[in-house]
N, C-alpha and C. Protein backbone atom coordinates (compact mmCIF):
# COMPACT_ATOMS: atom_id res chain seq x y z
N MET A 1 79.64 -4.39 144.53
CA MET A 1 79.92 -3.72 145.80
C MET A 1 80.55 -2.40 145.44
N GLU A 2 80.01 -1.23 146.06
CA GLU A 2 80.43 0.05 145.83
C GLU A 2 81.88 0.20 146.13
N LEU A 3 82.47 1.19 145.55
CA LEU A 3 83.96 1.42 145.77
C LEU A 3 84.23 1.87 147.18
N ASN A 4 83.31 2.72 147.76
CA ASN A 4 83.44 3.10 149.10
C ASN A 4 83.36 1.95 150.11
N MET A 5 82.39 0.97 149.80
CA MET A 5 82.21 -0.16 150.62
C MET A 5 83.50 -1.05 150.55
N LYS A 6 84.11 -1.15 149.32
CA LYS A 6 85.33 -1.98 149.22
C LYS A 6 86.44 -1.42 149.94
N ARG A 7 86.57 0.04 149.88
CA ARG A 7 87.59 0.70 150.64
C ARG A 7 87.41 0.49 152.16
N THR A 8 86.17 0.44 152.64
CA THR A 8 85.93 0.27 153.97
C THR A 8 86.18 -1.05 154.40
N LEU A 9 85.82 -1.97 153.70
CA LEU A 9 86.13 -3.49 153.95
C LEU A 9 87.63 -3.60 153.94
N LEU A 10 88.36 -2.97 153.05
CA LEU A 10 89.93 -3.20 152.98
C LEU A 10 90.49 -2.50 154.26
N PHE A 11 89.94 -1.34 154.66
CA PHE A 11 90.36 -0.67 155.75
C PHE A 11 90.18 -1.57 157.08
N MET A 12 89.07 -2.15 157.16
CA MET A 12 88.87 -2.97 158.36
C MET A 12 89.72 -4.32 158.38
N VAL A 13 90.04 -4.65 157.16
CA VAL A 13 90.96 -5.93 157.13
C VAL A 13 92.43 -5.62 157.53
N VAL A 14 92.84 -4.37 157.03
CA VAL A 14 94.18 -3.94 157.32
C VAL A 14 94.27 -3.72 158.89
N ILE A 15 93.28 -3.07 159.44
CA ILE A 15 93.07 -2.76 160.82
C ILE A 15 93.16 -4.10 161.58
N THR A 16 92.36 -5.01 161.20
CA THR A 16 92.48 -6.42 161.95
C THR A 16 93.82 -7.06 161.83
N MET A 17 94.38 -6.98 160.63
CA MET A 17 95.72 -7.62 160.46
C MET A 17 96.69 -6.93 161.44
N ALA A 18 96.59 -5.70 161.53
CA ALA A 18 97.61 -4.83 162.27
C ALA A 18 97.47 -5.25 163.84
N VAL A 19 96.10 -5.23 164.23
CA VAL A 19 95.82 -5.62 165.55
C VAL A 19 96.41 -7.04 165.91
N ASN A 20 96.08 -7.98 165.07
CA ASN A 20 96.43 -9.39 165.32
C ASN A 20 98.02 -9.45 165.34
N ALA A 21 98.78 -8.80 164.54
CA ALA A 21 100.18 -8.79 164.36
C ALA A 21 100.75 -8.40 165.58
N SER A 22 100.14 -7.53 166.40
CA SER A 22 100.79 -6.92 167.61
C SER A 22 100.33 -7.71 168.83
N GLY A 23 99.51 -8.66 168.70
CA GLY A 23 99.04 -9.63 169.74
C GLY A 23 97.99 -9.02 170.64
N GLN A 24 97.32 -7.96 170.20
CA GLN A 24 96.19 -7.36 170.96
C GLN A 24 94.96 -7.90 170.29
N ASN A 25 93.94 -7.95 171.31
CA ASN A 25 92.51 -8.29 170.92
C ASN A 25 91.61 -7.21 171.23
N ILE A 26 90.68 -6.97 170.17
CA ILE A 26 89.63 -6.00 170.32
C ILE A 26 88.36 -6.71 170.47
N THR A 27 87.57 -6.29 171.45
CA THR A 27 86.24 -6.84 171.76
C THR A 27 85.14 -5.93 171.41
N ILE A 28 84.30 -5.97 170.56
CA ILE A 28 83.29 -5.14 170.14
C ILE A 28 82.00 -5.43 170.96
N THR A 29 81.51 -4.72 171.86
CA THR A 29 80.28 -4.91 172.49
C THR A 29 79.13 -4.32 171.83
N SER A 30 78.08 -5.07 171.78
CA SER A 30 76.88 -4.54 170.96
C SER A 30 75.87 -3.80 171.99
N PRO A 31 75.24 -2.81 171.57
CA PRO A 31 75.25 -2.30 170.16
C PRO A 31 76.31 -1.25 170.10
N VAL A 32 76.83 -1.22 169.01
CA VAL A 32 77.94 -0.20 168.57
C VAL A 32 77.32 1.19 168.43
N LYS A 33 77.80 2.26 169.06
CA LYS A 33 77.26 3.66 168.88
C LYS A 33 78.44 4.52 168.21
N MET A 34 78.02 5.26 167.36
CA MET A 34 79.03 6.19 166.77
C MET A 34 78.62 7.58 166.64
N LEU A 35 79.64 8.41 166.89
CA LEU A 35 79.44 9.89 166.78
C LEU A 35 80.37 10.46 165.69
N ALA A 36 79.71 10.93 164.75
CA ALA A 36 80.58 11.51 163.57
C ALA A 36 80.84 13.03 163.80
N LEU A 37 82.06 13.20 164.03
CA LEU A 37 82.62 14.59 164.25
C LEU A 37 83.37 14.98 163.05
N GLY A 38 83.43 16.26 162.68
CA GLY A 38 84.18 16.66 161.57
C GLY A 38 83.57 17.85 160.85
N ASP A 39 83.58 17.81 159.48
CA ASP A 39 83.20 19.05 158.70
C ASP A 39 82.32 18.44 157.55
N SER A 40 82.31 19.21 156.55
CA SER A 40 81.32 18.90 155.41
C SER A 40 81.81 17.51 154.80
N TYR A 41 83.02 17.18 154.72
CA TYR A 41 83.34 15.83 154.25
C TYR A 41 82.83 14.64 155.05
N THR A 42 82.71 14.80 156.35
CA THR A 42 82.24 13.82 157.22
C THR A 42 80.67 13.74 157.06
N ILE A 43 79.99 14.76 156.94
CA ILE A 43 78.50 14.81 156.78
C ILE A 43 78.10 14.52 155.36
N GLY A 44 79.04 14.58 154.46
CA GLY A 44 78.76 14.37 152.94
C GLY A 44 77.87 15.28 152.52
N GLN A 45 78.10 16.60 152.59
CA GLN A 45 77.36 17.70 152.19
C GLN A 45 76.85 17.51 150.75
N SER A 46 75.64 17.74 150.61
CA SER A 46 74.84 17.49 149.28
C SER A 46 74.72 16.09 148.75
N VAL A 47 74.89 15.04 149.59
CA VAL A 47 74.51 13.68 149.31
C VAL A 47 73.60 13.09 150.29
N GLU A 48 72.85 11.92 149.83
CA GLU A 48 72.02 11.44 150.73
C GLU A 48 72.75 10.74 151.89
N ILE A 49 71.94 10.62 153.09
CA ILE A 49 72.48 10.12 154.20
C ILE A 49 73.16 8.74 154.09
N ARG A 50 72.61 7.90 153.18
CA ARG A 50 73.18 6.52 152.96
C ARG A 50 74.51 6.68 152.32
N GLU A 51 74.77 7.73 151.63
CA GLU A 51 76.01 7.92 151.03
C GLU A 51 77.11 8.53 151.81
N ARG A 52 76.80 8.86 153.08
CA ARG A 52 77.90 9.44 154.00
C ARG A 52 78.73 8.25 154.47
N TRP A 53 80.02 8.55 154.53
CA TRP A 53 80.98 7.55 155.05
C TRP A 53 80.67 6.85 156.45
N PRO A 54 80.34 7.60 157.37
CA PRO A 54 80.07 6.94 158.67
C PRO A 54 78.83 6.02 158.51
N HIS A 55 77.80 6.42 157.81
CA HIS A 55 76.63 5.68 157.49
C HIS A 55 77.01 4.29 156.84
N GLN A 56 77.84 4.34 155.79
CA GLN A 56 78.25 3.22 155.09
C GLN A 56 79.14 2.33 156.02
N PHE A 57 79.93 2.91 156.88
CA PHE A 57 80.62 2.10 157.91
C PHE A 57 79.66 1.43 158.72
N ALA A 58 78.65 1.93 159.26
CA ALA A 58 77.65 1.28 160.11
C ALA A 58 76.98 0.04 159.42
N ALA A 59 76.77 0.33 158.03
CA ALA A 59 76.06 -0.66 157.16
C ALA A 59 77.03 -1.95 157.03
N VAL A 60 78.46 -1.63 156.91
CA VAL A 60 79.45 -2.72 156.79
C VAL A 60 79.51 -3.67 158.12
N LEU A 61 79.44 -2.80 159.10
CA LEU A 61 79.38 -3.47 160.57
C LEU A 61 78.26 -4.42 160.72
N ARG A 62 77.13 -3.89 160.16
CA ARG A 62 75.79 -4.76 160.26
C ARG A 62 75.89 -5.90 159.40
N LYS A 63 76.48 -5.71 158.23
CA LYS A 63 76.62 -6.92 157.30
C LYS A 63 77.67 -7.92 157.94
N SER A 64 78.61 -7.43 158.75
CA SER A 64 79.52 -8.38 159.37
C SER A 64 78.90 -9.02 160.61
N GLY A 65 77.69 -8.72 161.06
CA GLY A 65 76.96 -9.31 162.15
C GLY A 65 77.30 -8.55 163.43
N VAL A 66 77.69 -7.38 163.38
CA VAL A 66 77.86 -6.53 164.56
C VAL A 66 76.58 -5.70 164.64
N GLU A 67 75.85 -5.55 165.92
CA GLU A 67 74.77 -4.82 166.03
C GLU A 67 75.18 -3.19 166.04
N ALA A 68 74.86 -2.57 165.16
CA ALA A 68 75.34 -1.11 165.11
C ALA A 68 74.07 -0.24 164.57
N GLY A 69 73.94 0.83 165.38
CA GLY A 69 72.95 1.81 165.09
C GLY A 69 73.54 2.81 164.13
N ASP A 70 72.63 3.67 163.55
CA ASP A 70 73.09 4.72 162.67
C ASP A 70 73.84 5.76 163.34
N PRO A 71 74.87 6.27 162.90
CA PRO A 71 75.74 7.36 163.52
C PRO A 71 74.94 8.66 163.96
N ASP A 72 75.29 9.23 164.90
CA ASP A 72 74.80 10.53 165.26
C ASP A 72 75.76 11.54 164.65
N TYR A 73 75.30 12.61 163.92
CA TYR A 73 76.11 13.54 163.19
C TYR A 73 76.20 14.75 163.95
N ILE A 74 77.24 15.39 164.34
CA ILE A 74 77.32 16.66 164.95
C ILE A 74 78.26 17.58 164.04
N ALA A 75 78.77 16.80 163.00
CA ALA A 75 79.68 17.59 162.07
C ALA A 75 79.03 18.76 161.44
N THR A 76 79.75 19.71 161.04
CA THR A 76 79.00 20.81 160.52
C THR A 76 79.95 21.36 159.28
N THR A 77 79.21 22.08 158.43
CA THR A 77 79.81 22.67 157.07
C THR A 77 80.38 24.12 157.61
N CYS A 78 81.71 24.23 157.42
CA CYS A 78 82.24 25.41 157.62
C CYS A 78 82.03 26.62 156.71
């Protein structure tokens, strides 16, 4: 598993634990739609789309059984 995917999975586990500890429930309705805002780091300037963090996050969601489309990117390079 790629280092970025491991970090993403760890992030999701930590968030899940934090939410469960506070007694809140999150319901994800399908399909999940994402909009990537930000700068050159968000869009992964000079890398392939599949290497962008938002794209990797969507892939992890799909592997977890969540119906998620590819993110829309409106991030720009400054």
